Every structure is written in structure tokens, then in C-alpha cells.
N, C-alpha and C. Protein backbone atom coordinates (compact mmCIF):
# COMPACT_ATOMS: atom_id res chain seq x y z
N MET A 1 41.03 43.40 -21.42
CA MET A 1 41.20 41.98 -21.16
C MET A 1 40.57 41.21 -22.30
N GLN A 2 41.27 40.26 -22.79
CA GLN A 2 40.80 39.48 -23.91
C GLN A 2 40.30 38.12 -23.43
N ALA A 3 39.13 37.72 -23.92
CA ALA A 3 38.58 36.41 -23.55
C ALA A 3 39.30 35.35 -24.35
N SER A 4 39.48 34.23 -23.72
CA SER A 4 40.12 33.14 -24.45
C SER A 4 39.21 31.92 -24.39
N THR A 5 39.33 31.11 -25.37
CA THR A 5 38.57 29.86 -25.40
C THR A 5 39.55 28.74 -25.63
N SER A 6 39.18 27.61 -25.19
CA SER A 6 40.00 26.44 -25.46
C SER A 6 39.08 25.30 -25.82
N ALA A 7 39.58 24.42 -26.58
CA ALA A 7 38.80 23.26 -27.00
C ALA A 7 39.61 22.01 -26.71
N THR A 8 38.94 20.99 -26.32
CA THR A 8 39.59 19.72 -26.09
C THR A 8 39.13 18.77 -27.19
N THR A 9 40.08 18.15 -27.82
CA THR A 9 39.74 17.20 -28.85
C THR A 9 40.30 15.85 -28.46
N LEU A 10 39.61 14.83 -28.90
CA LEU A 10 40.09 13.48 -28.65
C LEU A 10 40.81 12.99 -29.88
N ASP A 11 41.96 12.42 -29.68
CA ASP A 11 42.67 11.78 -30.78
C ASP A 11 43.22 10.46 -30.27
N ASP A 12 43.97 9.81 -31.08
CA ASP A 12 44.48 8.49 -30.70
C ASP A 12 45.35 8.52 -29.47
N ALA A 13 45.97 9.67 -29.16
CA ALA A 13 46.86 9.75 -28.02
C ALA A 13 46.10 10.05 -26.72
N SER A 14 44.83 10.44 -26.81
CA SER A 14 44.06 10.78 -25.62
C SER A 14 43.66 9.52 -24.88
N PRO A 15 43.60 9.62 -23.53
CA PRO A 15 43.12 8.46 -22.79
C PRO A 15 41.66 8.20 -23.10
N GLU A 16 41.27 6.95 -23.02
CA GLU A 16 39.87 6.61 -23.30
C GLU A 16 38.96 7.09 -22.20
N ILE A 17 37.81 7.56 -22.57
CA ILE A 17 36.80 7.97 -21.61
C ILE A 17 36.04 6.71 -21.21
N GLU A 18 35.93 6.51 -19.90
CA GLU A 18 35.23 5.31 -19.43
C GLU A 18 33.74 5.46 -19.64
N ALA A 19 33.14 4.44 -20.20
CA ALA A 19 31.70 4.43 -20.37
C ALA A 19 31.04 4.11 -19.04
N GLU A 20 29.85 4.67 -18.84
CA GLU A 20 29.11 4.35 -17.62
C GLU A 20 28.79 2.87 -17.63
N PRO A 21 28.89 2.22 -16.48
CA PRO A 21 28.54 0.80 -16.46
C PRO A 21 27.06 0.63 -16.78
N GLU A 22 26.77 -0.43 -17.49
CA GLU A 22 25.39 -0.70 -17.87
C GLU A 22 24.61 -1.19 -16.65
N LEU A 23 23.40 -0.66 -16.51
CA LEU A 23 22.56 -1.10 -15.37
C LEU A 23 22.17 -2.56 -15.57
N PRO A 24 21.96 -3.26 -14.47
CA PRO A 24 21.52 -4.66 -14.58
C PRO A 24 20.12 -4.72 -15.17
N THR A 25 19.71 -5.89 -15.58
CA THR A 25 18.33 -6.07 -16.05
C THR A 25 17.45 -6.32 -14.83
N PHE A 26 16.14 -6.21 -15.04
CA PHE A 26 15.21 -6.55 -13.96
C PHE A 26 15.36 -8.01 -13.56
N LYS A 27 15.64 -8.85 -14.53
CA LYS A 27 15.83 -10.27 -14.23
C LYS A 27 17.09 -10.46 -13.36
N ASP A 28 18.15 -9.73 -13.69
CA ASP A 28 19.37 -9.80 -12.88
C ASP A 28 19.10 -9.44 -11.42
N LEU A 29 18.14 -8.55 -11.20
CA LEU A 29 17.83 -8.10 -9.85
C LEU A 29 16.97 -9.11 -9.07
N GLY A 30 16.49 -10.13 -9.78
CA GLY A 30 15.76 -11.20 -9.09
C GLY A 30 14.25 -11.09 -9.09
N LEU A 31 13.70 -10.32 -10.02
CA LEU A 31 12.24 -10.22 -10.08
C LEU A 31 11.63 -11.49 -10.65
N ILE A 32 10.42 -11.80 -10.20
CA ILE A 32 9.72 -13.00 -10.64
C ILE A 32 9.14 -12.81 -12.04
N ASP A 33 8.85 -13.91 -12.71
CA ASP A 33 8.37 -13.87 -14.09
C ASP A 33 7.12 -13.03 -14.31
N PRO A 34 6.08 -13.11 -13.45
CA PRO A 34 4.92 -12.27 -13.70
C PRO A 34 5.24 -10.76 -13.71
N LEU A 35 6.18 -10.34 -12.89
CA LEU A 35 6.57 -8.93 -12.89
C LEU A 35 7.43 -8.62 -14.11
N LEU A 36 8.30 -9.53 -14.49
CA LEU A 36 9.11 -9.32 -15.69
C LEU A 36 8.23 -9.18 -16.93
N GLU A 37 7.18 -10.00 -16.99
CA GLU A 37 6.25 -9.92 -18.13
C GLU A 37 5.50 -8.59 -18.12
N ALA A 38 5.07 -8.14 -16.95
CA ALA A 38 4.38 -6.84 -16.86
C ALA A 38 5.30 -5.71 -17.27
N LEU A 39 6.55 -5.75 -16.83
CA LEU A 39 7.51 -4.71 -17.20
C LEU A 39 7.75 -4.70 -18.70
N GLU A 40 7.82 -5.90 -19.30
CA GLU A 40 8.01 -5.98 -20.73
C GLU A 40 6.83 -5.38 -21.48
N LYS A 41 5.61 -5.67 -21.03
CA LYS A 41 4.42 -5.09 -21.65
C LYS A 41 4.40 -3.57 -21.54
N MET A 42 4.99 -3.06 -20.45
CA MET A 42 5.04 -1.62 -20.23
C MET A 42 6.24 -0.98 -20.95
N LYS A 43 7.01 -1.83 -21.65
CA LYS A 43 8.18 -1.38 -22.41
C LYS A 43 9.32 -0.88 -21.53
N PHE A 44 9.41 -1.41 -20.31
CA PHE A 44 10.53 -1.11 -19.41
C PHE A 44 11.57 -2.20 -19.60
N THR A 45 12.73 -1.85 -20.14
CA THR A 45 13.74 -2.85 -20.44
C THR A 45 14.81 -2.97 -19.37
N ARG A 46 15.18 -1.85 -18.76
CA ARG A 46 16.20 -1.85 -17.71
C ARG A 46 15.73 -0.95 -16.58
N PRO A 47 16.16 -1.26 -15.36
CA PRO A 47 15.78 -0.40 -14.24
C PRO A 47 16.44 0.97 -14.34
N THR A 48 15.76 1.96 -13.79
CA THR A 48 16.35 3.29 -13.67
C THR A 48 17.37 3.27 -12.53
N ASP A 49 18.08 4.35 -12.35
CA ASP A 49 19.07 4.41 -11.28
C ASP A 49 18.46 4.14 -9.91
N ILE A 50 17.32 4.77 -9.61
CA ILE A 50 16.70 4.57 -8.28
C ILE A 50 16.24 3.13 -8.12
N GLN A 51 15.72 2.54 -9.19
CA GLN A 51 15.27 1.15 -9.12
C GLN A 51 16.45 0.20 -8.93
N ALA A 52 17.53 0.41 -9.66
CA ALA A 52 18.71 -0.44 -9.52
C ALA A 52 19.31 -0.33 -8.13
N ALA A 53 19.19 0.87 -7.53
CA ALA A 53 19.76 1.07 -6.20
C ALA A 53 18.91 0.45 -5.09
N VAL A 54 17.59 0.55 -5.21
CA VAL A 54 16.75 0.11 -4.08
C VAL A 54 16.18 -1.30 -4.22
N LEU A 55 16.05 -1.81 -5.43
CA LEU A 55 15.44 -3.13 -5.58
C LEU A 55 16.20 -4.25 -4.85
N PRO A 56 17.52 -4.35 -4.98
CA PRO A 56 18.19 -5.46 -4.25
C PRO A 56 17.96 -5.44 -2.75
N PRO A 57 18.17 -4.31 -2.05
CA PRO A 57 17.91 -4.36 -0.60
C PRO A 57 16.43 -4.52 -0.27
N ALA A 58 15.55 -3.93 -1.07
CA ALA A 58 14.11 -4.08 -0.80
C ALA A 58 13.67 -5.53 -0.99
N LEU A 59 14.15 -6.16 -2.05
CA LEU A 59 13.80 -7.56 -2.29
C LEU A 59 14.38 -8.48 -1.21
N ALA A 60 15.45 -8.02 -0.57
CA ALA A 60 16.05 -8.80 0.53
C ALA A 60 15.35 -8.52 1.86
N GLY A 61 14.31 -7.66 1.84
CA GLY A 61 13.52 -7.42 3.04
C GLY A 61 13.94 -6.24 3.89
N HIS A 62 14.81 -5.40 3.37
CA HIS A 62 15.27 -4.24 4.13
C HIS A 62 14.36 -3.03 3.92
N ASP A 63 14.27 -2.20 4.94
CA ASP A 63 13.55 -0.93 4.81
C ASP A 63 14.33 -0.01 3.88
N ILE A 64 13.59 0.83 3.16
CA ILE A 64 14.21 1.68 2.16
C ILE A 64 13.75 3.12 2.35
N ILE A 65 14.67 4.04 2.21
CA ILE A 65 14.35 5.45 2.05
C ILE A 65 15.02 5.86 0.75
N GLY A 66 14.22 6.30 -0.21
CA GLY A 66 14.77 6.68 -1.50
C GLY A 66 14.33 8.07 -1.88
N VAL A 67 15.23 8.80 -2.50
CA VAL A 67 14.95 10.15 -2.97
C VAL A 67 15.36 10.22 -4.44
N ALA A 68 14.44 10.65 -5.26
CA ALA A 68 14.74 10.79 -6.69
C ALA A 68 13.74 11.77 -7.29
N GLU A 69 14.09 12.29 -8.44
CA GLU A 69 13.26 13.27 -9.11
C GLU A 69 11.99 12.65 -9.66
N THR A 70 11.01 13.51 -9.91
CA THR A 70 9.78 13.09 -10.56
C THR A 70 10.11 12.46 -11.92
N GLY A 71 9.47 11.34 -12.21
CA GLY A 71 9.70 10.67 -13.48
C GLY A 71 10.88 9.71 -13.49
N SER A 72 11.49 9.49 -12.34
CA SER A 72 12.69 8.65 -12.26
C SER A 72 12.38 7.18 -12.01
N GLY A 73 11.12 6.84 -11.77
CA GLY A 73 10.77 5.45 -11.53
C GLY A 73 10.62 5.08 -10.07
N LYS A 74 10.40 6.08 -9.21
CA LYS A 74 10.27 5.80 -7.77
C LYS A 74 9.12 4.85 -7.48
N THR A 75 7.98 5.05 -8.14
CA THR A 75 6.81 4.23 -7.82
C THR A 75 7.10 2.76 -8.09
N ALA A 76 7.66 2.45 -9.23
CA ALA A 76 8.01 1.05 -9.51
C ALA A 76 9.07 0.55 -8.55
N ALA A 77 9.94 1.43 -8.09
CA ALA A 77 10.99 1.03 -7.16
C ALA A 77 10.42 0.49 -5.85
N PHE A 78 9.28 1.03 -5.40
CA PHE A 78 8.69 0.45 -4.20
C PHE A 78 7.57 -0.52 -4.51
N ALA A 79 6.93 -0.39 -5.67
CA ALA A 79 5.83 -1.29 -6.01
C ALA A 79 6.33 -2.70 -6.34
N LEU A 80 7.43 -2.81 -7.04
CA LEU A 80 7.91 -4.13 -7.45
C LEU A 80 8.25 -5.03 -6.27
N PRO A 81 8.98 -4.58 -5.26
CA PRO A 81 9.23 -5.47 -4.11
C PRO A 81 7.96 -5.82 -3.35
N ILE A 82 7.02 -4.89 -3.25
CA ILE A 82 5.75 -5.18 -2.60
C ILE A 82 5.02 -6.27 -3.36
N LEU A 83 4.93 -6.12 -4.68
CA LEU A 83 4.21 -7.11 -5.48
C LEU A 83 4.90 -8.47 -5.47
N GLN A 84 6.22 -8.47 -5.45
CA GLN A 84 6.94 -9.74 -5.41
C GLN A 84 6.65 -10.46 -4.09
N GLN A 85 6.65 -9.73 -3.00
CA GLN A 85 6.34 -10.35 -1.71
C GLN A 85 4.88 -10.78 -1.64
N LEU A 86 3.99 -9.99 -2.22
CA LEU A 86 2.57 -10.36 -2.26
C LEU A 86 2.37 -11.67 -3.03
N TRP A 87 3.14 -11.86 -4.09
CA TRP A 87 3.07 -13.09 -4.87
C TRP A 87 3.44 -14.30 -3.98
N ALA A 88 4.44 -14.10 -3.12
CA ALA A 88 4.89 -15.18 -2.24
C ALA A 88 3.96 -15.41 -1.06
N ASP A 89 3.23 -14.36 -0.66
CA ASP A 89 2.38 -14.43 0.54
C ASP A 89 1.09 -13.65 0.29
N PRO A 90 0.22 -14.16 -0.60
CA PRO A 90 -0.97 -13.38 -0.97
C PRO A 90 -1.97 -13.28 0.18
N ARG A 91 -2.34 -12.05 0.49
CA ARG A 91 -3.36 -11.80 1.50
C ARG A 91 -3.88 -10.38 1.34
N PRO A 92 -5.08 -10.15 1.84
CA PRO A 92 -5.65 -8.80 1.72
C PRO A 92 -4.98 -7.80 2.65
N LEU A 93 -5.20 -6.53 2.32
CA LEU A 93 -4.65 -5.42 3.10
C LEU A 93 -3.16 -5.64 3.38
N PHE A 94 -2.44 -5.87 2.31
CA PHE A 94 -1.02 -6.22 2.36
C PHE A 94 -0.12 -4.99 2.45
N ALA A 95 -0.49 -3.94 1.72
CA ALA A 95 0.34 -2.73 1.66
C ALA A 95 -0.52 -1.50 1.60
N CYS A 96 0.00 -0.42 2.17
CA CYS A 96 -0.67 0.87 2.13
C CYS A 96 0.36 1.92 1.70
N VAL A 97 0.00 2.69 0.70
CA VAL A 97 0.84 3.78 0.21
C VAL A 97 0.13 5.08 0.51
N LEU A 98 0.78 5.96 1.26
CA LEU A 98 0.23 7.27 1.56
C LEU A 98 0.74 8.26 0.53
N ALA A 99 -0.19 8.96 -0.10
CA ALA A 99 0.16 9.91 -1.14
C ALA A 99 -0.33 11.30 -0.74
N PRO A 100 0.44 12.35 -1.01
CA PRO A 100 0.06 13.69 -0.57
C PRO A 100 -1.03 14.35 -1.41
N THR A 101 -1.29 13.84 -2.61
CA THR A 101 -2.32 14.46 -3.46
C THR A 101 -3.18 13.36 -4.11
N ARG A 102 -4.38 13.75 -4.51
CA ARG A 102 -5.27 12.80 -5.20
C ARG A 102 -4.66 12.36 -6.51
N GLU A 103 -4.07 13.30 -7.24
CA GLU A 103 -3.49 12.98 -8.56
C GLU A 103 -2.38 11.95 -8.42
N LEU A 104 -1.52 12.14 -7.43
CA LEU A 104 -0.44 11.19 -7.23
C LEU A 104 -0.99 9.84 -6.77
N ALA A 105 -2.02 9.85 -5.94
CA ALA A 105 -2.64 8.59 -5.51
C ALA A 105 -3.14 7.81 -6.72
N PHE A 106 -3.79 8.48 -7.65
CA PHE A 106 -4.28 7.79 -8.86
C PHE A 106 -3.11 7.25 -9.69
N GLN A 107 -2.04 8.02 -9.82
CA GLN A 107 -0.88 7.56 -10.59
C GLN A 107 -0.25 6.32 -9.95
N ILE A 108 -0.12 6.35 -8.65
CA ILE A 108 0.46 5.21 -7.93
C ILE A 108 -0.41 3.97 -8.11
N ALA A 109 -1.72 4.13 -7.96
CA ALA A 109 -2.65 3.00 -8.13
C ALA A 109 -2.56 2.45 -9.55
N GLN A 110 -2.46 3.33 -10.54
CA GLN A 110 -2.33 2.86 -11.93
C GLN A 110 -1.07 2.02 -12.12
N THR A 111 0.01 2.43 -11.47
CA THR A 111 1.26 1.65 -11.58
C THR A 111 1.09 0.28 -10.94
N PHE A 112 0.49 0.22 -9.76
CA PHE A 112 0.23 -1.08 -9.13
C PHE A 112 -0.67 -1.95 -10.01
N ASP A 113 -1.71 -1.35 -10.58
CA ASP A 113 -2.62 -2.11 -11.45
C ASP A 113 -1.89 -2.64 -12.68
N ALA A 114 -1.05 -1.81 -13.28
CA ALA A 114 -0.33 -2.22 -14.49
C ALA A 114 0.69 -3.33 -14.18
N LEU A 115 1.41 -3.19 -13.08
CA LEU A 115 2.43 -4.18 -12.74
C LEU A 115 1.82 -5.46 -12.16
N GLY A 116 0.74 -5.32 -11.41
CA GLY A 116 0.17 -6.47 -10.71
C GLY A 116 -1.11 -7.02 -11.29
N GLY A 117 -1.59 -6.42 -12.35
CA GLY A 117 -2.87 -6.84 -12.93
C GLY A 117 -2.91 -8.32 -13.32
N ALA A 118 -1.86 -8.79 -13.97
CA ALA A 118 -1.83 -10.19 -14.40
C ALA A 118 -1.73 -11.15 -13.22
N MET A 119 -1.30 -10.61 -12.06
CA MET A 119 -1.18 -11.43 -10.85
C MET A 119 -2.49 -11.44 -10.06
N GLY A 120 -3.47 -10.67 -10.52
CA GLY A 120 -4.74 -10.61 -9.81
C GLY A 120 -4.74 -9.66 -8.63
N VAL A 121 -3.82 -8.71 -8.63
CA VAL A 121 -3.73 -7.74 -7.53
C VAL A 121 -4.92 -6.79 -7.59
N ARG A 122 -5.53 -6.58 -6.42
CA ARG A 122 -6.64 -5.64 -6.29
C ARG A 122 -6.15 -4.40 -5.55
N THR A 123 -6.32 -3.24 -6.18
CA THR A 123 -5.88 -1.97 -5.61
C THR A 123 -7.09 -1.08 -5.41
N VAL A 124 -7.11 -0.35 -4.29
CA VAL A 124 -8.18 0.61 -4.01
C VAL A 124 -7.52 1.95 -3.69
N THR A 125 -8.09 3.01 -4.26
CA THR A 125 -7.64 4.36 -3.99
C THR A 125 -8.61 5.02 -3.03
N ILE A 126 -8.10 5.50 -1.90
CA ILE A 126 -8.92 6.09 -0.84
C ILE A 126 -8.51 7.56 -0.72
N ILE A 127 -9.34 8.45 -1.25
CA ILE A 127 -9.03 9.88 -1.27
C ILE A 127 -10.27 10.69 -0.99
N GLY A 128 -10.08 11.95 -0.65
CA GLY A 128 -11.21 12.86 -0.51
C GLY A 128 -11.85 13.12 -1.86
N GLY A 129 -13.09 13.60 -1.81
CA GLY A 129 -13.80 13.88 -3.05
C GLY A 129 -14.58 12.70 -3.59
N VAL A 130 -14.48 11.56 -2.93
CA VAL A 130 -15.22 10.36 -3.30
C VAL A 130 -16.10 10.01 -2.10
N LYS A 131 -17.32 9.57 -2.36
CA LYS A 131 -18.23 9.24 -1.26
C LYS A 131 -17.64 8.15 -0.38
N GLU A 132 -17.72 8.39 0.91
CA GLU A 132 -17.14 7.45 1.88
C GLU A 132 -17.78 6.06 1.78
N ILE A 133 -19.08 6.01 1.53
CA ILE A 133 -19.76 4.72 1.46
C ILE A 133 -19.20 3.87 0.31
N GLU A 134 -18.87 4.50 -0.82
CA GLU A 134 -18.28 3.76 -1.95
C GLU A 134 -16.92 3.17 -1.53
N GLN A 135 -16.18 3.96 -0.77
CA GLN A 135 -14.87 3.48 -0.33
C GLN A 135 -15.02 2.39 0.73
N GLN A 136 -16.02 2.51 1.59
CA GLN A 136 -16.26 1.47 2.58
C GLN A 136 -16.60 0.15 1.91
N ILE A 137 -17.38 0.20 0.84
CA ILE A 137 -17.70 -1.02 0.09
C ILE A 137 -16.43 -1.60 -0.51
N ALA A 138 -15.60 -0.74 -1.11
CA ALA A 138 -14.35 -1.21 -1.71
C ALA A 138 -13.43 -1.83 -0.66
N LEU A 139 -13.37 -1.22 0.52
CA LEU A 139 -12.54 -1.76 1.60
C LEU A 139 -13.07 -3.10 2.11
N SER A 140 -14.40 -3.25 2.10
CA SER A 140 -14.99 -4.51 2.58
C SER A 140 -14.63 -5.68 1.67
N LYS A 141 -14.22 -5.39 0.44
CA LYS A 141 -13.81 -6.44 -0.50
C LYS A 141 -12.36 -6.85 -0.27
N ARG A 142 -11.72 -6.24 0.72
CA ARG A 142 -10.38 -6.60 1.17
C ARG A 142 -9.34 -6.60 0.04
N PRO A 143 -9.06 -5.43 -0.51
CA PRO A 143 -8.04 -5.33 -1.57
C PRO A 143 -6.65 -5.65 -1.02
N HIS A 144 -5.72 -5.90 -1.92
CA HIS A 144 -4.34 -6.15 -1.52
C HIS A 144 -3.59 -4.86 -1.21
N ILE A 145 -3.81 -3.86 -2.05
CA ILE A 145 -3.06 -2.61 -1.99
C ILE A 145 -4.01 -1.45 -1.75
N LEU A 146 -3.69 -0.61 -0.77
CA LEU A 146 -4.42 0.63 -0.53
C LEU A 146 -3.51 1.78 -0.92
N VAL A 147 -4.04 2.71 -1.69
CA VAL A 147 -3.32 3.95 -1.98
C VAL A 147 -4.21 5.06 -1.43
N CYS A 148 -3.70 5.78 -0.44
CA CYS A 148 -4.56 6.66 0.35
C CYS A 148 -3.99 8.05 0.55
N ALA A 149 -4.92 9.00 0.63
CA ALA A 149 -4.59 10.31 1.18
C ALA A 149 -4.66 10.14 2.70
N PRO A 150 -3.72 10.70 3.45
CA PRO A 150 -3.70 10.46 4.90
C PRO A 150 -4.99 10.83 5.62
N GLY A 151 -5.59 11.96 5.26
CA GLY A 151 -6.82 12.37 5.95
C GLY A 151 -7.96 11.41 5.74
N ARG A 152 -8.15 10.94 4.52
CA ARG A 152 -9.24 9.99 4.25
C ARG A 152 -8.95 8.64 4.87
N LEU A 153 -7.71 8.21 4.89
CA LEU A 153 -7.36 6.96 5.56
C LEU A 153 -7.72 7.06 7.03
N ASN A 154 -7.38 8.15 7.66
CA ASN A 154 -7.71 8.36 9.07
C ASN A 154 -9.22 8.31 9.29
N TRP A 155 -9.98 8.91 8.41
CA TRP A 155 -11.44 8.89 8.51
C TRP A 155 -11.94 7.44 8.54
N HIS A 156 -11.42 6.62 7.61
CA HIS A 156 -11.87 5.22 7.54
C HIS A 156 -11.42 4.43 8.77
N LEU A 157 -10.26 4.70 9.28
CA LEU A 157 -9.80 4.01 10.49
C LEU A 157 -10.72 4.32 11.66
N GLU A 158 -11.26 5.52 11.71
CA GLU A 158 -12.14 5.92 12.79
C GLU A 158 -13.60 5.54 12.56
N ASN A 159 -14.04 5.42 11.30
CA ASN A 159 -15.46 5.29 11.01
C ASN A 159 -15.91 4.04 10.25
N THR A 160 -14.99 3.28 9.69
CA THR A 160 -15.38 2.11 8.92
C THR A 160 -15.23 0.87 9.78
N LYS A 161 -16.36 0.30 10.13
CA LYS A 161 -16.39 -0.86 11.03
C LYS A 161 -15.58 -2.01 10.43
N GLY A 162 -14.72 -2.57 11.26
CA GLY A 162 -13.94 -3.74 10.86
C GLY A 162 -12.69 -3.42 10.06
N PHE A 163 -12.46 -2.16 9.74
CA PHE A 163 -11.28 -1.80 8.95
C PHE A 163 -10.14 -1.42 9.88
N SER A 164 -8.98 -2.04 9.64
CA SER A 164 -7.76 -1.68 10.37
C SER A 164 -6.57 -1.98 9.46
N LEU A 165 -5.43 -1.57 9.93
CA LEU A 165 -4.19 -1.80 9.19
C LEU A 165 -3.32 -2.87 9.86
N ARG A 166 -3.92 -3.69 10.70
CA ARG A 166 -3.16 -4.69 11.47
C ARG A 166 -2.42 -5.70 10.60
N THR A 167 -2.96 -6.01 9.43
CA THR A 167 -2.35 -7.04 8.60
C THR A 167 -1.32 -6.49 7.62
N LEU A 168 -1.11 -5.19 7.63
CA LEU A 168 -0.16 -4.60 6.67
C LEU A 168 1.24 -5.20 6.82
N LYS A 169 1.82 -5.47 5.70
CA LYS A 169 3.21 -5.90 5.67
C LYS A 169 4.10 -4.74 5.22
N PHE A 170 3.54 -3.83 4.41
CA PHE A 170 4.30 -2.70 3.89
C PHE A 170 3.52 -1.40 4.09
N LEU A 171 4.25 -0.36 4.48
CA LEU A 171 3.71 0.99 4.55
C LEU A 171 4.69 1.90 3.83
N VAL A 172 4.18 2.64 2.84
CA VAL A 172 5.01 3.54 2.06
C VAL A 172 4.47 4.95 2.22
N ARG A 173 5.34 5.88 2.49
CA ARG A 173 4.97 7.29 2.53
C ARG A 173 5.65 7.95 1.34
N HIS A 174 4.85 8.40 0.40
CA HIS A 174 5.36 9.01 -0.81
C HIS A 174 5.24 10.52 -0.66
N ASN A 175 6.33 11.23 -0.85
CA ASN A 175 6.32 12.69 -0.79
C ASN A 175 6.64 13.25 -2.14
N LEU A 176 6.24 14.48 -2.36
CA LEU A 176 6.66 15.20 -3.55
C LEU A 176 7.95 15.92 -3.23
N ILE A 177 8.88 15.92 -4.19
CA ILE A 177 10.11 16.70 -3.99
C ILE A 177 10.26 17.68 -5.11
């Protein structure tokens, strides 16, 4: 049996290959100027696929379930709508993000800090391996965004006087895939 190969070439008689449609800009999606400026400083020019898909419904107030690969921009996809709403309705203990690992919790907090820093957003990371008293002090300062490991969050709900999640507007559960 003889192997055969074939090649396809494009010439003037070939139909044109459709280019992928260009993703909208962050401004097209309706983000506010402080977030657009933060994205520009971070050198993000256009949303990723997951961001373009979830930002419009999230900004319109809908619940979102999104699945995408590591490095695809998932964190910004949920952080940007949270920060935009926080800008419109600033208050402490506004959002809580549950992260499965300490490393991911730190990465998520860094993204919130980078995107919301110019807006005055205060983020606290609540994870194991850090003294509870230090975290209790940080919680008493009433940050806007909590990024937590579930076990340590539960510990604070049971043991930190005056701490609750009653005022939360957003709850995000971040999983690794």
C-alpha cells in the first residue's frame, strides 16, 4: 500500500477564508474609565474570549458560570464586573472570592489590586498559614474584596466577632480545571 499526500493551495480561484471576527474593546463592553485606565496600564488591549463572553451579561447583573483554561483571563472576567459595581455602590465586604489554593488566592488578590488600586479598592487575602489575629485585624478594617480559602473563611465566620458575609453583593467560587 502506498501512502499518498495531498496539498491544498490557495489561488485566485479559491474561495476566501473568512477571518475571525475581531473581539470588541473593553470600552465597547461598557467598562468605566477607571477600569479602562487600569487595563491600559496592564497592557490589556482587547478582552479574551471568556471576557468577551461573560462581561456583557455580568455587567447587566446576571449570574455567570464560566469555564476556561488557565491563563485565559477568567479572573479579570469576574473581577471587572465586581469592581464596576463597587464603583457605583462603594461599601465594605462587597465581594468574596473562594479559591482552592493559597497560590491562586494570592494571584486573584493581585488582579483585584491591579485593576482596582486606582479606585481605592481594599483587598484582603484570608488563607491558612497566616496568623488568625493578623487576619482578624485586616477584617476589622472592612475591606471591599475578600479572597479566601474556604476553610479559613469558615474559621473566621465562627471565631471573629462581628464578622459576617451579610453585606456581600458578589460571591465567586473559583475552581482549578
